[in-house]
C-alpha atoms as a PDB file:
ATOM      1  CA  MET A   1      42.399   0.238 -62.937  1.00  0.00           C
ATOM      2  CA  LEU A   2      39.894   2.603 -61.347  1.00  0.00           C
ATOM      3  CA  THR A   3      36.257   1.802 -62.082  1.00  0.00           C
ATOM      4  CA  VAL A   4      33.265   3.916 -61.332  1.00  0.00           C
ATOM      5  CA  ASP A   5      29.866   2.452 -60.656  1.00  0.00           C
ATOM      6  CA  THR A   6      27.531   4.316 -62.983  1.00  0.00           C
ATOM      7  CA  GLU A   7      24.499   2.209 -62.245  1.00  0.00           C
ATOM      8  CA  GLU A   8      21.435   4.375 -61.956  1.00  0.00           C
ATOM      9  CA  PRO A   9      19.316   3.919 -58.866  1.00  0.00           C
ATOM     10  CA  GLY A  10      16.474   1.590 -59.515  1.00  0.00           C
ATOM     11  CA  PRO A  11      13.071   1.423 -57.902  1.00  0.00           C
ATOM     12  CA  GLY A  12      14.327  -0.753 -55.049  1.00  0.00           C
ATOM     13  CA  SER A  13      17.101   1.609 -54.092  1.00  0.00           C
ATOM     14  CA  ALA A  14      14.638   4.170 -52.757  1.00  0.00           C
ATOM     15  CA  VAL A  15      13.078   1.524 -50.535  1.00  0.00           C
ATOM     16  CA  LYS A  16      16.490   0.485 -49.235  1.00  0.00           C
ATOM     17  CA  THR A  17      17.422   4.103 -48.551  1.00  0.00           C
ATOM     18  CA  ALA A  18      14.143   4.725 -46.779  1.00  0.00           C
ATOM     19  CA  GLY A  19      14.647   1.583 -44.735  1.00  0.00           C
ATOM     20  CA  ARG A  20      18.131   2.675 -43.717  1.00  0.00           C
ATOM     21  CA  THR A  21      16.872   6.147 -42.886  1.00  0.00           C
ATOM     22  CA  GLY A  22      13.930   4.804 -40.911  1.00  0.00           C
ATOM     23  CA  ARG A  23      16.144   2.613 -38.777  1.00  0.00           C
ATOM     24  CA  ARG A  24      18.004   5.696 -37.564  1.00  0.00           C
ATOM     25  CA  PHE A  25      14.967   6.828 -35.631  1.00  0.00           C
ATOM     26  CA  ALA A  26      14.483   3.512 -33.820  1.00  0.00           C
ATOM     27  CA  PRO A  27      15.954   3.160 -30.281  1.00  0.00           C
ATOM     28  CA  PRO A  28      18.838   0.696 -29.866  1.00  0.00           C
ATOM     29  CA  GLY A  29      16.652  -2.002 -28.335  1.00  0.00           C
ATOM     30  CA  GLY A  30      13.693  -1.419 -30.591  1.00  0.00           C
ATOM     31  CA  TRP A  31      10.264  -0.123 -29.630  1.00  0.00           C
ATOM     32  CA  LEU A  32       9.026  -3.305 -27.922  1.00  0.00           C
ATOM     33  CA  PRO A  33      10.495  -2.586 -24.430  1.00  0.00           C
ATOM     34  CA  TYR A  34       8.928   0.880 -24.465  1.00  0.00           C
ATOM     35  CA  LEU A  35       5.569  -0.499 -25.515  1.00  0.00           C
ATOM     36  CA  LEU A  36       5.677  -3.065 -22.712  1.00  0.00           C
ATOM     37  CA  ILE A  37       6.315  -0.490 -19.966  1.00  0.00           C
ATOM     38  CA  THR A  38       3.881   2.080 -21.368  1.00  0.00           C
ATOM     39  CA  PRO A  39       0.805   0.792 -19.435  1.00  0.00           C
ATOM     40  CA  ALA A  40       2.698   0.876 -16.114  1.00  0.00           C
ATOM     41  CA  VAL A  41       4.128   4.330 -16.823  1.00  0.00           C
ATOM     42  CA  LEU A  42       0.704   5.688 -17.757  1.00  0.00           C
ATOM     43  CA  ALA A  43      -0.904   4.179 -14.641  1.00  0.00           C
ATOM     44  CA  ILE A  44       1.757   5.593 -12.304  1.00  0.00           C
ATOM     45  CA  ALA A  45       1.700   8.971 -14.063  1.00  0.00           C
ATOM     46  CA  GLY A  46      -2.090   9.074 -13.841  1.00  0.00           C
ATOM     47  CA  ILE A  47      -2.232   8.233 -10.130  1.00  0.00           C
ATOM     48  CA  LEU A  48       0.664  10.434  -9.044  1.00  0.00           C
ATOM     49  CA  GLY A  49      -0.224  13.186 -11.500  1.00  0.00           C
ATOM     50  CA  TYR A  50      -3.799  13.410 -10.245  1.00  0.00           C
ATOM     51  CA  ALA A  51      -2.650  13.493  -6.604  1.00  0.00           C
ATOM     52  CA  LEU A  52      -0.079  16.223  -7.277  1.00  0.00           C
ATOM     53  CA  VAL A  53      -2.477  18.383  -9.284  1.00  0.00           C
ATOM     54  CA  ARG A  54      -5.260  17.922  -6.735  1.00  0.00           C
ATOM     55  CA  ASN A  55      -2.917  18.780  -3.879  1.00  0.00           C
ATOM     56  CA  LEU A  56      -1.712  21.882  -5.717  1.00  0.00           C
ATOM     57  CA  LEU A  57      -5.271  23.067  -6.286  1.00  0.00           C
ATOM     58  CA  ILE A  58      -6.217  22.519  -2.631  1.00  0.00           C
ATOM     59  CA  SER A  59      -3.221  24.624  -1.563  1.00  0.00           C
ATOM     60  CA  PHE A  60      -4.911  27.632  -3.210  1.00  0.00           C
ATOM     61  CA  GLN A  61      -8.232  27.020  -1.442  1.00  0.00           C
ATOM     62  CA  GLU A  62      -9.708  27.712   1.966  1.00  0.00           C
ATOM     63  CA  PHE A  63     -10.365  24.048   2.652  1.00  0.00           C
ATOM     64  CA  GLY A  64     -11.449  23.123   6.146  1.00  0.00           C
ATOM     65  CA  ARG A  65     -14.109  21.062   7.862  1.00  0.00           C
ATOM     66  CA  ARG A  66     -16.913  23.370   6.700  1.00  0.00           C
ATOM     67  CA  GLN A  67     -15.885  23.207   3.046  1.00  0.00           C
ATOM     68  CA  LEU A  68     -15.437  19.447   3.308  1.00  0.00           C
ATOM     69  CA  ILE A  69     -18.969  18.910   4.648  1.00  0.00           C
ATOM     70  CA  SER A  70     -20.708  21.423   2.391  1.00  0.00           C
ATOM     71  CA  HIS A  71     -18.721  20.402  -0.711  1.00  0.00           C
ATOM     72  CA  THR A  72     -17.985  24.025  -1.523  1.00  0.00           C
ATOM     73  CA  THR A  73     -14.852  25.477  -3.112  1.00  0.00           C
ATOM     74  CA  GLU A  74     -13.481  28.750  -1.746  1.00  0.00           C
ATOM     75  CA  TRP A  75     -10.392  30.033  -3.522  1.00  0.00           C
ATOM     76  CA  SER A  76      -7.981  31.934  -1.307  1.00  0.00           C
ATOM     77  CA  GLY A  77      -5.058  32.522  -3.649  1.00  0.00           C
ATOM     78  CA  LEU A  78      -1.705  32.560  -1.881  1.00  0.00           C
ATOM     79  CA  GLU A  79      -3.205  33.001   1.584  1.00  0.00           C
ATOM     80  CA  ASN A  80      -2.277  29.483   2.704  1.00  0.00           C
ATOM     81  CA  TYR A  81       1.329  29.984   1.599  1.00  0.00           C
ATOM     82  CA  ARG A  82       1.490  33.372   3.325  1.00  0.00           C
ATOM     83  CA  ARG A  83       0.132  31.841   6.525  1.00  0.00           C
ATOM     84  CA  VAL A  84       2.616  28.981   6.424  1.00  0.00           C
ATOM     85  CA  LEU A  85       5.646  31.160   5.657  1.00  0.00           C
ATOM     86  CA  GLU A  86       4.743  33.515   8.516  1.00  0.00           C
ATOM     87  CA  ASP A  87       4.402  30.629  10.971  1.00  0.00           C
ATOM     88  CA  GLU A  88       7.481  30.169  13.172  1.00  0.00           C
ATOM     89  CA  ARG A  89       6.678  26.476  13.586  1.00  0.00           C
ATOM     90  CA  PHE A  90       7.187  25.972   9.851  1.00  0.00           C
ATOM     91  CA  TRP A  91      10.713  27.375   9.958  1.00  0.00           C
ATOM     92  CA  ALA A  92      11.496  25.459  13.131  1.00  0.00           C
ATOM     93  CA  SER A  93      10.270  22.266  11.484  1.00  0.00           C
ATOM     94  CA  LEU A  94      12.301  23.058   8.359  1.00  0.00           C
ATOM     95  CA  VAL A  95      15.549  23.441  10.313  1.00  0.00           C
ATOM     96  CA  ARG A  96      14.728  20.357  12.377  1.00  0.00           C
ATOM     97  CA  THR A  97      14.052  18.355   9.209  1.00  0.00           C
ATOM     98  CA  PHE A  98      17.409  19.236   7.630  1.00  0.00           C
ATOM     99  CA  VAL A  99      19.386  18.572  10.824  1.00  0.00           C
ATOM    100  CA  PHE A 100      17.549  15.282  11.312  1.00  0.00           C
ATOM    101  CA  MET A 101      18.165  14.308   7.685  1.00  0.00           C
ATOM    102  CA  ALA A 102      21.869  15.187   7.795  1.00  0.00           C
ATOM    103  CA  ALA A 103      22.495  13.237  10.997  1.00  0.00           C
ATOM    104  CA  ASN A 104      20.698  10.167   9.674  1.00  0.00           C
ATOM    105  CA  VAL A 105      22.345  10.154   6.249  1.00  0.00           C
ATOM    106  CA  VAL A 106      25.850  10.560   7.706  1.00  0.00           C
ATOM    107  CA  LEU A 107      25.311   7.739  10.207  1.00  0.00           C
ATOM    108  CA  ILE A 108      23.671   5.455   7.634  1.00  0.00           C
ATOM    109  CA  MET A 109      26.439   5.898   5.063  1.00  0.00           C
ATOM    110  CA  ALA A 110      29.276   5.632   7.605  1.00  0.00           C
ATOM    111  CA  ILE A 111      27.983   2.560   9.449  1.00  0.00           C
ATOM    112  CA  GLY A 112      26.736   0.938   6.229  1.00  0.00           C
ATOM    113  CA  THR A 113      30.157   1.387   4.617  1.00  0.00           C
ATOM    114  CA  LEU A 114      31.946  -0.150   7.589  1.00  0.00           C
ATOM    115  CA  ILE A 115      29.608  -3.158   7.710  1.00  0.00           C
ATOM    116  CA  GLY A 116      29.816  -3.594   3.931  1.00  0.00           C
ATOM    117  CA  MET A 117      33.601  -3.746   4.118  1.00  0.00           C
ATOM    118  CA  LEU A 118      33.321  -6.138   7.061  1.00  0.00           C
ATOM    119  CA  LEU A 119      31.152  -8.423   4.925  1.00  0.00           C
ATOM    120  CA  TYR A 120      33.858  -8.373   2.269  1.00  0.00           C
ATOM    121  CA  ARG A 121      36.524  -9.418   4.783  1.00  0.00           C
ATOM    122  CA  LEU A 122      34.585 -12.086   6.692  1.00  0.00           C
ATOM    123  CA  GLY A 123      34.686 -15.765   5.930  1.00  0.00           C
ATOM    124  CA  LYS A 124      31.769 -17.504   4.286  1.00  0.00           C
ATOM    125  CA  PRO A 125      29.981 -18.791   7.441  1.00  0.00           C
ATOM    126  CA  MET A 126      30.103 -15.505   9.345  1.00  0.00           C
ATOM    127  CA  ARG A 127      29.258 -13.542   6.205  1.00  0.00           C
ATOM    128  CA  LEU A 128      26.126 -15.655   5.793  1.00  0.00           C
ATOM    129  CA  VAL A 129      25.084 -15.086   9.419  1.00  0.00           C
ATOM    130  CA  LEU A 130      25.615 -11.336   9.186  1.00  0.00           C
ATOM    131  CA  SER A 131      23.832 -11.128   5.834  1.00  0.00           C
ATOM    132  CA  ILE A 132      20.788 -12.952   7.230  1.00  0.00           C
ATOM    133  CA  ALA A 133      20.710 -10.566  10.195  1.00  0.00           C
ATOM    134  CA  LEU A 134      20.907  -7.552   7.883  1.00  0.00           C
ATOM    135  CA  VAL A 135      18.166  -8.844   5.605  1.00  0.00           C
ATOM    136  CA  ALA A 136      15.943  -9.572   8.620  1.00  0.00           C
ATOM    137  CA  ALA A 137      16.348  -6.000   9.880  1.00  0.00           C
ATOM    138  CA  TRP A 138      15.778  -4.588   6.417  1.00  0.00           C
ATOM    139  CA  ALA A 139      12.697  -6.711   5.743  1.00  0.00           C
ATOM    140  CA  MET A 140      10.906  -5.916   9.015  1.00  0.00           C
ATOM    141  CA  PRO A 141       7.776  -3.780   8.438  1.00  0.00           C
ATOM    142  CA  VAL A 142       8.059  -0.191   9.599  1.00  0.00           C
ATOM    143  CA  ILE A 143       5.144  -0.343  12.023  1.00  0.00           C
ATOM    144  CA  ALA A 144       6.440  -3.586  13.564  1.00  0.00           C
ATOM    145  CA  SER A 145       9.932  -2.195  14.097  1.00  0.00           C
ATOM    146  CA  THR A 146       8.516   1.076  15.450  1.00  0.00           C
ATOM    147  CA  THR A 147       6.389  -0.863  17.954  1.00  0.00           C
ATOM    148  CA  VAL A 148       9.439  -2.830  19.093  1.00  0.00           C
ATOM    149  CA  PHE A 149      11.419   0.371  19.648  1.00  0.00           C
ATOM    150  CA  ARG A 150       8.482   1.831  21.532  1.00  0.00           C
ATOM    151  CA  TRP A 151       8.604  -1.179  23.859  1.00  0.00           C
ATOM    152  CA  LEU A 152      12.377  -0.960  24.241  1.00  0.00           C
ATOM    153  CA  PHE A 153      12.109   2.621  25.498  1.00  0.00           C
ATOM    154  CA  ASP A 154       8.904   2.168  27.462  1.00  0.00           C
ATOM    155  CA  THR A 155       8.743   4.206  30.661  1.00  0.00           C
ATOM    156  CA  GLN A 156       7.811   1.351  33.002  1.00  0.00           C
ATOM    157  CA  PHE A 157       8.923  -1.899  31.372  1.00  0.00           C
ATOM    158  CA  GLY A 158      11.465  -0.702  28.775  1.00  0.00           C
ATOM    159  CA  VAL A 159      14.776  -2.480  28.290  1.00  0.00           C
ATOM    160  CA  ALA A 160      16.578   0.855  28.001  1.00  0.00           C
ATOM    161  CA  ASN A 161      15.701   1.906  31.561  1.00  0.00           C
ATOM    162  CA  TRP A 162      16.601  -1.539  32.895  1.00  0.00           C
ATOM    163  CA  ALA A 163      19.965  -1.438  31.110  1.00  0.00           C
ATOM    164  CA  MET A 164      20.797   2.019  32.429  1.00  0.00           C
ATOM    165  CA  ARG A 165      19.927   0.970  36.000  1.00  0.00           C
ATOM    166  CA  SER A 166      21.979  -2.219  35.620  1.00  0.00           C
ATOM    167  CA  LEU A 167      24.976  -0.133  34.575  1.00  0.00           C
ATOM    168  CA  GLY A 168      24.667   1.912  37.753  1.00  0.00           C
ATOM    169  CA  PHE A 169      23.111   5.093  36.384  1.00  0.00           C
ATOM    170  CA  SER A 170      20.630   6.826  38.643  1.00  0.00           C
ATOM    171  CA  GLY A 171      17.438   8.605  37.649  1.00  0.00           C
ATOM    172  CA  TYR A 172      16.180   5.907  35.303  1.00  0.00           C
ATOM    173  CA  GLU A 173      13.290   4.681  37.408  1.00  0.00           C
ATOM    174  CA  GLN A 174      10.437   5.076  34.926  1.00  0.00           C
ATOM    175  CA  HIS A 175      12.445   7.577  32.886  1.00  0.00           C
ATOM    176  CA  ASN A 176      10.422   9.018  29.986  1.00  0.00           C
ATOM    177  CA  TRP A 177      12.573   8.763  26.884  1.00  0.00           C
ATOM    178  CA  PHE A 178       9.940  10.599  24.874  1.00  0.00           C
ATOM    179  CA  GLY A 179       9.763  13.569  27.240  1.00  0.00           C
ATOM    180  CA  SER A 180      11.597  15.934  24.873  1.00  0.00           C
ATOM    181  CA  GLY A 181      11.793  16.456  21.147  1.00  0.00           C
ATOM    182  CA  PHE A 182      15.546  15.865  21.088  1.00  0.00           C
ATOM    183  CA  SER A 183      15.377  12.460  22.788  1.00  0.00           C
ATOM    184  CA  THR A 184      12.416  11.460  20.615  1.00  0.00           C
ATOM    185  CA  LEU A 185      14.289  12.276  17.406  1.00  0.00           C
ATOM    186  CA  ALA A 186      17.387  10.524  18.786  1.00  0.00           C
ATOM    187  CA  ILE A 187      15.356   7.318  19.164  1.00  0.00           C
ATOM    188  CA  VAL A 188      13.853   7.818  15.700  1.00  0.00           C
ATOM    189  CA  THR A 189      17.371   8.263  14.331  1.00  0.00           C
ATOM    190  CA  LEU A 190      18.429   5.000  15.958  1.00  0.00           C
ATOM    191  CA  LEU A 191      15.417   3.270  14.405  1.00  0.00           C
ATOM    192  CA  ILE A 192      15.943   4.671  10.897  1.00  0.00           C
ATOM    193  CA  VAL A 193      19.686   3.980  10.930  1.00  0.00           C
ATOM    194  CA  TRP A 194      19.067   0.420  12.126  1.00  0.00           C
ATOM    195  CA  ALA A 195      16.583  -0.185   9.298  1.00  0.00           C
ATOM    196  CA  SER A 196      18.559   1.598   6.551  1.00  0.00           C
ATOM    197  CA  VAL A 197      22.116   0.359   7.135  1.00  0.00           C
ATOM    198  CA  PRO A 198      21.441  -3.093   5.574  1.00  0.00           C
ATOM    199  CA  PHE A 199      20.618  -1.501   2.206  1.00  0.00           C
ATOM    200  CA  VAL A 200      23.950   0.333   2.102  1.00  0.00           C
ATOM    201  CA  ALA A 201      25.995  -2.547   3.501  1.00  0.00           C
ATOM    202  CA  LEU A 202      24.658  -5.263   1.203  1.00  0.00           C
ATOM    203  CA  ASN A 203      24.887  -3.132  -1.922  1.00  0.00           C
ATOM    204  CA  LEU A 204      28.398  -1.992  -1.059  1.00  0.00           C
ATOM    205  CA  TYR A 205      29.465  -5.594  -0.517  1.00  0.00           C
ATOM    206  CA  ALA A 206      28.017  -6.522  -3.910  1.00  0.00           C
ATOM    207  CA  GLY A 207      30.006  -3.682  -5.481  1.00  0.00           C
ATOM    208  CA  LEU A 208      33.231  -4.636  -3.711  1.00  0.00           C
ATOM    209  CA  THR A 209      33.058  -8.154  -5.120  1.00  0.00           C
ATOM    210  CA  THR A 210      33.453  -6.685  -8.622  1.00  0.00           C
ATOM    211  CA  ILE A 211      36.831  -5.127  -7.776  1.00  0.00           C
ATOM    212  CA  SER A 212      39.789  -7.300  -8.648  1.00  0.00           C
ATOM    213  CA  GLY A 213      41.721  -8.527  -5.621  1.00  0.00           C
ATOM    214  CA  GLU A 214      44.979  -7.983  -7.501  1.00  0.00           C
ATOM    215  CA  ILE A 215      44.558  -4.229  -7.086  1.00  0.00           C
ATOM    216  CA  TYR A 216      44.425  -4.547  -3.297  1.00  0.00           C
ATOM    217  CA  GLU A 217      47.318  -6.999  -3.300  1.00  0.00           C
ATOM    218  CA  ALA A 218      49.485  -4.608  -5.311  1.00  0.00           C
ATOM    219  CA  ALA A 219      48.630  -1.744  -2.953  1.00  0.00           C
ATOM    220  CA  ARG A 220      49.568  -3.806   0.095  1.00  0.00           C
ATOM    221  CA  MET A 221      52.867  -4.784  -1.515  1.00  0.00           C
ATOM    222  CA  ASP A 222      53.577  -1.079  -1.974  1.00  0.00           C
ATOM    223  CA  GLY A 223      53.037  -0.576   1.755  1.00  0.00           C
ATOM    224  CA  ALA A 224      49.635   1.126   1.624  1.00  0.00           C
ATOM    225  CA  SER A 225      47.669   1.061   4.867  1.00  0.00           C
ATOM    226  CA  GLY A 226      43.991   0.157   5.181  1.00  0.00           C
ATOM    227  CA  PRO A 227      42.701   3.747   5.241  1.00  0.00           C
ATOM    228  CA  ARG A 228      44.975   4.669   2.319  1.00  0.00           C
ATOM    229  CA  ILE A 229      43.667   1.726   0.285  1.00  0.00           C
ATOM    230  CA  PHE A 230      40.089   2.780   0.974  1.00  0.00           C
ATOM    231  CA  TRP A 231      40.532   6.440   0.020  1.00  0.00           C
ATOM    232  CA  SER A 232      42.834   5.783  -2.949  1.00  0.00           C
ATOM    233  CA  ILE A 233      41.247   2.645  -4.441  1.00  0.00           C
ATOM    234  CA  THR A 234      37.875   1.689  -2.995  1.00  0.00           C
ATOM    235  CA  ALA A 235      36.327   5.150  -2.729  1.00  0.00           C
ATOM    236  CA  PRO A 236      37.176   6.282  -6.306  1.00  0.00           C
ATOM    237  CA  ILE A 237      35.976   3.005  -7.825  1.00  0.00           C
ATOM    238  CA  MET A 238      32.782   2.960  -5.747  1.00  0.00           C
ATOM    239  CA  ARG A 239      32.128   6.696  -6.131  1.00  0.00           C
ATOM    240  CA  PRO A 240      29.016   6.202  -8.332  1.00  0.00           C
ATOM    241  CA  PHE A 241      27.578   3.882  -5.686  1.00  0.00           C
ATOM    242  CA  PHE A 242      28.170   6.393  -2.892  1.00  0.00           C
ATOM    243  CA  LEU A 243      26.633   9.232  -4.905  1.00  0.00           C
ATOM    244  CA  ILE A 244      23.483   7.351  -5.888  1.00  0.00           C
ATOM    245  CA  THR A 245      23.000   5.758  -2.464  1.00  0.00           C
ATOM    246  CA  THR A 246      23.435   9.056  -0.647  1.00  0.00           C
ATOM    247  CA  PHE A 247      20.958  10.627  -3.072  1.00  0.00           C
ATOM    248  CA  LEU A 248      18.376   7.950  -2.266  1.00  0.00           C
ATOM    249  CA  GLU A 249      18.963   8.127   1.479  1.00  0.00           C
ATOM    250  CA  ILE A 250      18.461  11.904   1.480  1.00  0.00           C
ATOM    251  CA  ILE A 251      15.072  11.461  -0.175  1.00  0.00           C
ATOM    252  CA  TRP A 252      13.991   8.574   2.078  1.00  0.00           C
ATOM    253  CA  VAL A 253      15.014  10.273   5.333  1.00  0.00           C
ATOM    254  CA  PHE A 254      13.656  13.680   4.334  1.00  0.00           C
ATOM    255  CA  LYS A 255      10.192  12.249   3.790  1.00  0.00           C
ATOM    256  CA  ALA A 256      10.275   9.965   6.851  1.00  0.00           C
ATOM    257  CA  PHE A 257       6.873  10.093   8.510  1.00  0.00           C
ATOM    258  CA  THR A 258       5.771   6.738   9.907  1.00  0.00           C
ATOM    259  CA  GLN A 259       8.573   6.336  12.444  1.00  0.00           C
ATOM    260  CA  ILE A 260       8.235   9.853  13.861  1.00  0.00           C
ATOM    261  CA  TYR A 261       4.461   9.864  14.057  1.00  0.00           C
ATOM    262  CA  ALA A 262       4.072   6.297  15.323  1.00  0.00           C
ATOM    263  CA  LEU A 263       6.597   6.803  18.123  1.00  0.00           C
ATOM    264  CA  ASN A 264       5.335  10.076  19.560  1.00  0.00           C
ATOM    265  CA  ALA A 265       3.080  11.819  16.996  1.00  0.00           C
ATOM    266  CA  GLY A 266       5.545  14.668  16.633  1.00  0.00           C
ATOM    267  CA  GLY A 267       5.442  15.409  20.348  1.00  0.00           C
ATOM    268  CA  PRO A 268       5.858  16.408  22.992  1.00  0.00           C
ATOM    269  CA  SER A 269       4.284  19.780  22.138  1.00  0.00           C
ATOM    270  CA  ARG A 270       5.230  19.192  18.483  1.00  0.00           C
ATOM    271  CA  GLU A 271       8.945  19.450  19.361  1.00  0.00           C
ATOM    272  CA  SER A 272       9.878  16.446  17.203  1.00  0.00           C
ATOM    273  CA  GLU A 273       7.768  17.592  14.289  1.00  0.00           C
ATOM    274  CA  THR A 274       9.333  17.500  10.809  1.00  0.00           C
ATOM    275  CA  LEU A 275       7.765  18.903   7.639  1.00  0.00           C
ATOM    276  CA  PRO A 276       5.893  15.696   6.627  1.00  0.00           C
ATOM    277  CA  VAL A 277       4.562  15.294  10.172  1.00  0.00           C
ATOM    278  CA  MET A 278       3.561  18.951  10.313  1.00  0.00           C
ATOM    279  CA  ALA A 279       1.612  18.637   7.057  1.00  0.00           C
ATOM    280  CA  TYR A 280      -0.214  15.567   8.376  1.00  0.00           C
ATOM    281  CA  ILE A 281      -1.087  17.170  11.723  1.00  0.00           C
ATOM    282  CA  GLU A 282      -2.344  20.352  10.079  1.00  0.00           C
ATOM    283  CA  GLY A 283      -4.491  18.352   7.680  1.00  0.00           C
ATOM    284  CA  MET A 284      -5.765  15.315   9.566  1.00  0.00           C
ATOM    285  CA  GLY A 285      -5.402  16.707  13.090  1.00  0.00           C
ATOM    286  CA  GLN A 286      -6.470  20.328  12.651  1.00  0.00           C
ATOM    287  CA  ASN A 287      -8.659  19.819   9.551  1.00  0.00           C
ATOM    288  CA  GLN A 288      -6.789  22.604   7.768  1.00  0.00           C
ATOM    289  CA  TYR A 289      -6.389  20.809   4.466  1.00  0.00           C
ATOM    290  CA  GLY A 290      -5.481  23.920   2.473  1.00  0.00           C
ATOM    291  CA  THR A 291      -2.656  24.730   4.883  1.00  0.00           C
ATOM    292  CA  ALA A 292      -1.479  21.125   4.874  1.00  0.00           C
ATOM    293  CA  ALA A 293      -1.454  21.100   1.064  1.00  0.00           C
ATOM    294  CA  ALA A 294       0.602  24.297   1.020  1.00  0.00           C
ATOM    295  CA  ILE A 295       3.113  22.748   3.449  1.00  0.00           C
ATOM    296  CA  SER A 296       3.439  19.628   1.292  1.00  0.00           C
ATOM    297  CA  VAL A 297       3.966  21.698  -1.868  1.00  0.00           C
ATOM    298  CA  LEU A 298       6.634  23.798  -0.142  1.00  0.00           C
ATOM    299  CA  THR A 299       8.247  20.614   1.179  1.00  0.00           C
ATOM    300  CA  LEU A 300       8.457  19.179  -2.330  1.00  0.00           C
ATOM    301  CA  ILE A 301       9.913  22.408  -3.722  1.00  0.00           C
ATOM    302  CA  ILE A 302      12.485  22.646  -0.918  1.00  0.00           C
ATOM    303  CA  LEU A 303      13.542  19.038  -1.439  1.00  0.00           C
ATOM    304  CA  LEU A 304      13.891  19.489  -5.206  1.00  0.00           C
ATOM    305  CA  VAL A 305      15.964  22.650  -4.761  1.00  0.00           C
ATOM    306  CA  ALA A 306      18.158  21.010  -2.125  1.00  0.00           C
ATOM    307  CA  LEU A 307      18.757  17.996  -4.348  1.00  0.00           C
ATOM    308  CA  SER A 308      19.353  19.935  -7.571  1.00  0.00           C
ATOM    309  CA  PHE A 309      23.011  20.591  -6.757  1.00  0.00           C
ATOM    310  CA  TYR A 310      23.595  16.995  -5.711  1.00  0.00           C
ATOM    311  CA  PHE A 311      21.802  15.711  -8.796  1.00  0.00           C
ATOM    312  CA  ARG A 312      24.148  17.757 -10.994  1.00  0.00           C
ATOM    313  CA  LEU A 313      27.086  16.032  -9.320  1.00  0.00           C
ATOM    314  CA  ILE A 314      25.612  12.652 -10.232  1.00  0.00           C
ATOM    315  CA  LEU A 315      25.081  13.673 -13.857  1.00  0.00           C
ATOM    316  CA  LYS A 316      28.628  14.995 -14.009  1.00  0.00           C
ATOM    317  CA  GLN A 317      29.920  11.707 -12.621  1.00  0.00           C
ATOM    318  CA  GLU A 318      28.041   9.780 -15.338  1.00  0.00           C
ATOM    319  CA  LYS A 319      29.561  11.941 -18.076  1.00  0.00           C
ATOM    320  CA  GLU A 320      33.153  11.618 -16.851  1.00  0.00           C
ATOM    321  CA  PRO A 321      33.847   8.129 -18.350  1.00  0.00           C
ATOM    322  CA  GLN A 322      32.670   9.358 -21.744  1.00  0.00           C
ATOM    323  CA  SER A 323      35.057  12.310 -21.835  1.00  0.00           C
END
């Protein structure tokens, strides 16, 4: 027999309904996690926000040594940007920055992937030794590692010149490895790749351990070769890792400053100068702070535009499992 509940809503039913409605607006984990991170978010936003706004304002000012000493503000509009965009060194540095970034990211991802897969295949003792070596390289401070590389390629006492002479090559008596912009950036590339590969290798190894070994065993039973297994199984499963890691490496290499400046200060004759180094030299070296601020703003805009397409790929990848 069909029965219909004809009970009229009492005073408590409104409270229950309000409670159910109110819970819809609460995040899944509640508000406590957001309240706990709010102080840190506000502090970071305040520090970074002030620096970005201040830098943007300086880029519209004629800000040099005279203005710095006299504490005066002279607005120049878009003059700094016009001066930078008409400077051939800016465009040369821009091209150099993108070529330098591309070479580093490709080498880092390729070598890191190979070492990560090697970690997965090695036995426990050798895996431990290799992991310790990777962590040691990764943990070394940038200035310390840059100083070591400077010693390795020293003109008079460098190991590189000694090794080349020992191998029978001539012309390496006090050879200056930092005599051209190309060779300087090649050494910087070696340094950055050496310091960045451990991040990719260790994280890839951690991801590979989550893949069931039965999948690889079934592929081998079907006669799949090593490269075929990688491109058909490993790469698709680890695609989110490769996308995110490449995204991070692009940002880190694009803004690389310490290694380039500490090795040769963007020289010789500013031939190894990238955009971050150019901004620093214009500001701290030439005391043209308005021009340096304009370069840094343009650098940020260029990086955001360059990464926008890649960022869309990452967002698309995250939405694919839900479809």
